[in-house]
């Protein structure tokens, strides 16, 4: 699903998902423009929490992959 064009997400959710992509995908950066758009929806505390949640998800993924811990199949791919 293309979250950027999907009507299922609000602008706030889309910018958070874009932030998660930039934190997760190698070679992507959190640009000044993206950070400015994040600040429209999230204060300092919320940004720290959002960043920590995304970072924890990324760390967990790397940890599980290295130890060959299989997915619990909590999501479905269409």
N, C-alpha and C. Protein backbone atom coordinates (compact mmCIF):
# COMPACT_ATOMS: atom_id res chain seq x y z
N UNK A 1 0.84 -1.18 0.00
CA UNK A 1 0.00 0.00 0.00
C UNK A 1 0.89 1.25 0.00
N UNK A 2 0.53 2.19 -0.78
CA UNK A 2 1.24 3.45 -0.86
C UNK A 2 0.61 4.42 0.14
N UNK A 3 1.18 4.49 1.34
CA UNK A 3 0.59 5.32 2.39
C UNK A 3 0.56 6.79 2.00
N UNK A 4 1.51 7.23 1.19
CA UNK A 4 1.59 8.64 0.83
C UNK A 4 0.38 9.12 0.04
N UNK A 5 -0.23 8.20 -0.71
CA UNK A 5 -1.39 8.57 -1.54
C UNK A 5 -2.69 8.00 -1.02
N UNK A 6 -2.62 7.20 0.02
CA UNK A 6 -3.82 6.52 0.51
C UNK A 6 -4.73 7.46 1.30
N UNK A 7 -6.03 7.41 1.03
CA UNK A 7 -6.97 8.22 1.80
C UNK A 7 -7.24 7.61 3.20
N UNK A 8 -6.67 6.45 3.46
CA UNK A 8 -6.88 5.79 4.75
C UNK A 8 -6.07 6.42 5.87
N UNK A 9 -5.07 7.25 5.52
CA UNK A 9 -4.21 7.87 6.51
C UNK A 9 -4.41 9.38 6.54
N UNK A 10 -4.33 9.93 7.72
CA UNK A 10 -4.37 11.39 7.87
C UNK A 10 -3.00 11.95 7.52
N UNK A 11 -2.91 13.26 7.36
CA UNK A 11 -1.62 13.89 7.06
C UNK A 11 -0.64 13.63 8.21
N UNK A 12 -1.12 13.67 9.43
CA UNK A 12 -0.28 13.39 10.61
C UNK A 12 0.30 11.97 10.55
N UNK A 13 -0.53 11.02 10.19
CA UNK A 13 -0.07 9.62 10.09
C UNK A 13 0.91 9.45 8.94
N UNK A 14 0.64 10.11 7.81
CA UNK A 14 1.54 9.99 6.65
C UNK A 14 2.93 10.54 6.95
N UNK A 15 2.98 11.66 7.66
CA UNK A 15 4.29 12.24 7.97
C UNK A 15 5.04 11.35 8.97
N UNK A 16 4.34 10.71 9.89
CA UNK A 16 4.98 9.78 10.83
C UNK A 16 5.50 8.55 10.09
N UNK A 17 4.73 8.05 9.12
CA UNK A 17 5.18 6.90 8.34
C UNK A 17 6.38 7.26 7.46
N UNK A 18 6.37 8.44 6.91
CA UNK A 18 7.53 8.90 6.12
C UNK A 18 8.76 8.99 7.01
N UNK A 19 8.58 9.49 8.22
CA UNK A 19 9.67 9.58 9.19
C UNK A 19 10.22 8.18 9.49
N UNK A 20 9.32 7.23 9.72
CA UNK A 20 9.74 5.85 9.98
C UNK A 20 10.53 5.28 8.80
N UNK A 21 10.07 5.55 7.58
CA UNK A 21 10.81 5.10 6.39
C UNK A 21 12.20 5.70 6.36
N UNK A 22 12.31 6.99 6.64
CA UNK A 22 13.61 7.66 6.58
C UNK A 22 14.55 7.15 7.67
N UNK A 23 14.00 6.78 8.82
CA UNK A 23 14.83 6.21 9.88
C UNK A 23 15.24 4.77 9.58
N UNK A 24 14.43 4.06 8.80
CA UNK A 24 14.60 2.62 8.62
C UNK A 24 15.37 2.25 7.36
N UNK A 25 15.09 2.92 6.27
CA UNK A 25 15.66 2.53 4.97
C UNK A 25 17.03 3.15 4.79
N UNK A 26 18.04 2.32 4.57
CA UNK A 26 19.41 2.79 4.38
C UNK A 26 19.48 3.78 3.23
N UNK A 27 20.25 4.81 3.43
CA UNK A 27 20.44 5.82 2.40
C UNK A 27 19.43 6.96 2.44
N UNK A 28 18.43 6.85 3.29
CA UNK A 28 17.46 7.94 3.43
C UNK A 28 17.84 8.78 4.64
N UNK A 29 17.52 10.04 4.56
CA UNK A 29 17.82 10.98 5.64
C UNK A 29 16.54 11.68 6.07
N UNK A 30 16.51 12.11 7.30
CA UNK A 30 15.42 12.96 7.78
C UNK A 30 15.80 14.38 7.38
N UNK A 31 15.13 14.88 6.37
CA UNK A 31 15.46 16.20 5.84
C UNK A 31 14.90 17.30 6.75
N UNK A 32 15.39 18.51 6.55
CA UNK A 32 14.85 19.66 7.29
C UNK A 32 13.37 19.84 7.00
N UNK A 33 12.97 19.62 5.74
CA UNK A 33 11.57 19.75 5.36
C UNK A 33 10.70 18.74 6.11
N UNK A 34 11.15 17.50 6.18
CA UNK A 34 10.38 16.48 6.89
C UNK A 34 10.29 16.84 8.37
N UNK A 35 11.39 17.27 8.95
CA UNK A 35 11.37 17.63 10.37
C UNK A 35 10.42 18.80 10.62
N UNK A 36 10.38 19.75 9.72
CA UNK A 36 9.45 20.88 9.85
C UNK A 36 8.00 20.39 9.79
N UNK A 37 7.71 19.45 8.88
CA UNK A 37 6.36 18.90 8.80
C UNK A 37 6.01 18.09 10.05
N UNK A 38 6.97 17.35 10.60
CA UNK A 38 6.73 16.63 11.85
C UNK A 38 6.38 17.58 12.98
N UNK A 39 7.07 18.71 13.04
CA UNK A 39 6.86 19.68 14.12
C UNK A 39 5.46 20.31 14.07
N UNK A 40 4.80 20.24 12.91
CA UNK A 40 3.43 20.75 12.82
C UNK A 40 2.47 19.90 13.65
N UNK A 41 2.80 18.63 13.85
CA UNK A 41 1.91 17.70 14.53
C UNK A 41 2.42 17.24 15.89
N UNK A 42 3.72 17.25 16.09
CA UNK A 42 4.31 16.65 17.29
C UNK A 42 5.18 17.64 18.05
N UNK A 43 4.98 17.71 19.37
CA UNK A 43 5.84 18.55 20.20
C UNK A 43 7.11 17.76 20.53
N UNK A 44 8.00 18.36 21.32
CA UNK A 44 9.28 17.71 21.62
C UNK A 44 9.11 16.33 22.24
N UNK A 45 8.24 16.23 23.25
CA UNK A 45 8.04 14.95 23.93
C UNK A 45 7.50 13.89 22.98
N UNK A 46 6.55 14.26 22.15
CA UNK A 46 5.96 13.30 21.21
C UNK A 46 6.98 12.87 20.16
N UNK A 47 7.83 13.79 19.71
CA UNK A 47 8.87 13.42 18.73
C UNK A 47 9.89 12.46 19.33
N UNK A 48 10.25 12.69 20.58
CA UNK A 48 11.19 11.78 21.24
C UNK A 48 10.55 10.40 21.35
N UNK A 49 9.28 10.35 21.75
CA UNK A 49 8.59 9.07 21.89
C UNK A 49 8.44 8.36 20.55
N UNK A 50 8.03 9.11 19.52
CA UNK A 50 7.88 8.52 18.19
C UNK A 50 9.21 7.97 17.69
N UNK A 51 10.28 8.74 17.87
CA UNK A 51 11.61 8.31 17.44
C UNK A 51 12.04 7.06 18.20
N UNK A 52 11.79 7.01 19.49
CA UNK A 52 12.16 5.85 20.30
C UNK A 52 11.40 4.60 19.85
N UNK A 53 10.12 4.75 19.56
CA UNK A 53 9.31 3.60 19.12
C UNK A 53 9.83 3.07 17.79
N UNK A 54 10.11 3.97 16.85
CA UNK A 54 10.63 3.55 15.55
C UNK A 54 12.00 2.88 15.72
N UNK A 55 12.87 3.49 16.51
CA UNK A 55 14.21 2.93 16.73
C UNK A 55 14.12 1.57 17.40
N UNK A 56 13.21 1.41 18.36
CA UNK A 56 13.04 0.12 19.04
C UNK A 56 12.58 -0.94 18.03
N UNK A 57 11.65 -0.59 17.18
CA UNK A 57 11.19 -1.53 16.15
C UNK A 57 12.32 -1.95 15.24
N UNK A 58 13.15 -0.99 14.84
CA UNK A 58 14.29 -1.30 13.98
C UNK A 58 15.31 -2.18 14.70
N UNK A 59 15.59 -1.86 15.96
CA UNK A 59 16.55 -2.66 16.73
C UNK A 59 16.03 -4.09 16.93
N UNK A 60 14.75 -4.20 17.25
CA UNK A 60 14.15 -5.53 17.45
C UNK A 60 14.23 -6.36 16.18
N UNK A 61 13.96 -5.72 15.06
CA UNK A 61 14.03 -6.41 13.78
C UNK A 61 15.43 -6.93 13.50
N UNK A 62 16.43 -6.10 13.71
CA UNK A 62 17.82 -6.51 13.48
C UNK A 62 18.22 -7.63 14.44
N UNK A 63 17.84 -7.51 15.69
CA UNK A 63 18.14 -8.51 16.71
C UNK A 63 17.54 -9.85 16.34
N UNK A 64 16.24 -9.82 16.00
CA UNK A 64 15.55 -11.06 15.65
C UNK A 64 16.14 -11.71 14.40
N UNK A 65 16.46 -10.89 13.42
CA UNK A 65 17.02 -11.44 12.18
C UNK A 65 18.37 -12.09 12.43
N UNK A 66 19.22 -11.44 13.22
CA UNK A 66 20.55 -11.98 13.51
C UNK A 66 20.46 -13.32 14.24
N UNK A 67 19.48 -13.45 15.12
CA UNK A 67 19.33 -14.68 15.89
C UNK A 67 18.36 -15.67 15.23
N UNK A 68 17.91 -15.32 14.02
CA UNK A 68 17.01 -16.18 13.25
C UNK A 68 15.71 -16.50 13.99
N UNK A 69 15.20 -15.49 14.66
CA UNK A 69 13.91 -15.62 15.34
C UNK A 69 12.84 -15.33 14.30
N UNK A 70 11.96 -16.27 14.03
CA UNK A 70 10.99 -16.09 12.95
C UNK A 70 9.92 -15.07 13.29
N UNK A 71 9.33 -14.53 12.26
CA UNK A 71 8.22 -13.61 12.41
C UNK A 71 7.04 -14.31 13.08
N UNK A 72 6.30 -13.56 13.86
CA UNK A 72 5.10 -14.09 14.49
C UNK A 72 3.88 -13.93 13.59
N UNK A 73 4.11 -13.43 12.37
CA UNK A 73 3.05 -13.26 11.37
C UNK A 73 1.87 -12.42 11.89
N UNK A 74 2.22 -11.29 12.51
CA UNK A 74 1.19 -10.40 13.06
C UNK A 74 0.61 -9.47 12.00
N UNK A 75 1.11 -9.54 10.78
CA UNK A 75 0.62 -8.70 9.68
C UNK A 75 0.44 -9.57 8.46
N UNK A 76 -0.34 -9.07 7.55
CA UNK A 76 -0.55 -9.77 6.27
C UNK A 76 -0.16 -8.84 5.14
N UNK A 77 0.51 -9.39 4.17
CA UNK A 77 0.86 -8.62 2.98
C UNK A 77 -0.20 -8.87 1.93
N UNK A 78 -0.72 -7.80 1.33
CA UNK A 78 -1.75 -7.95 0.28
C UNK A 78 -1.12 -8.28 -1.04
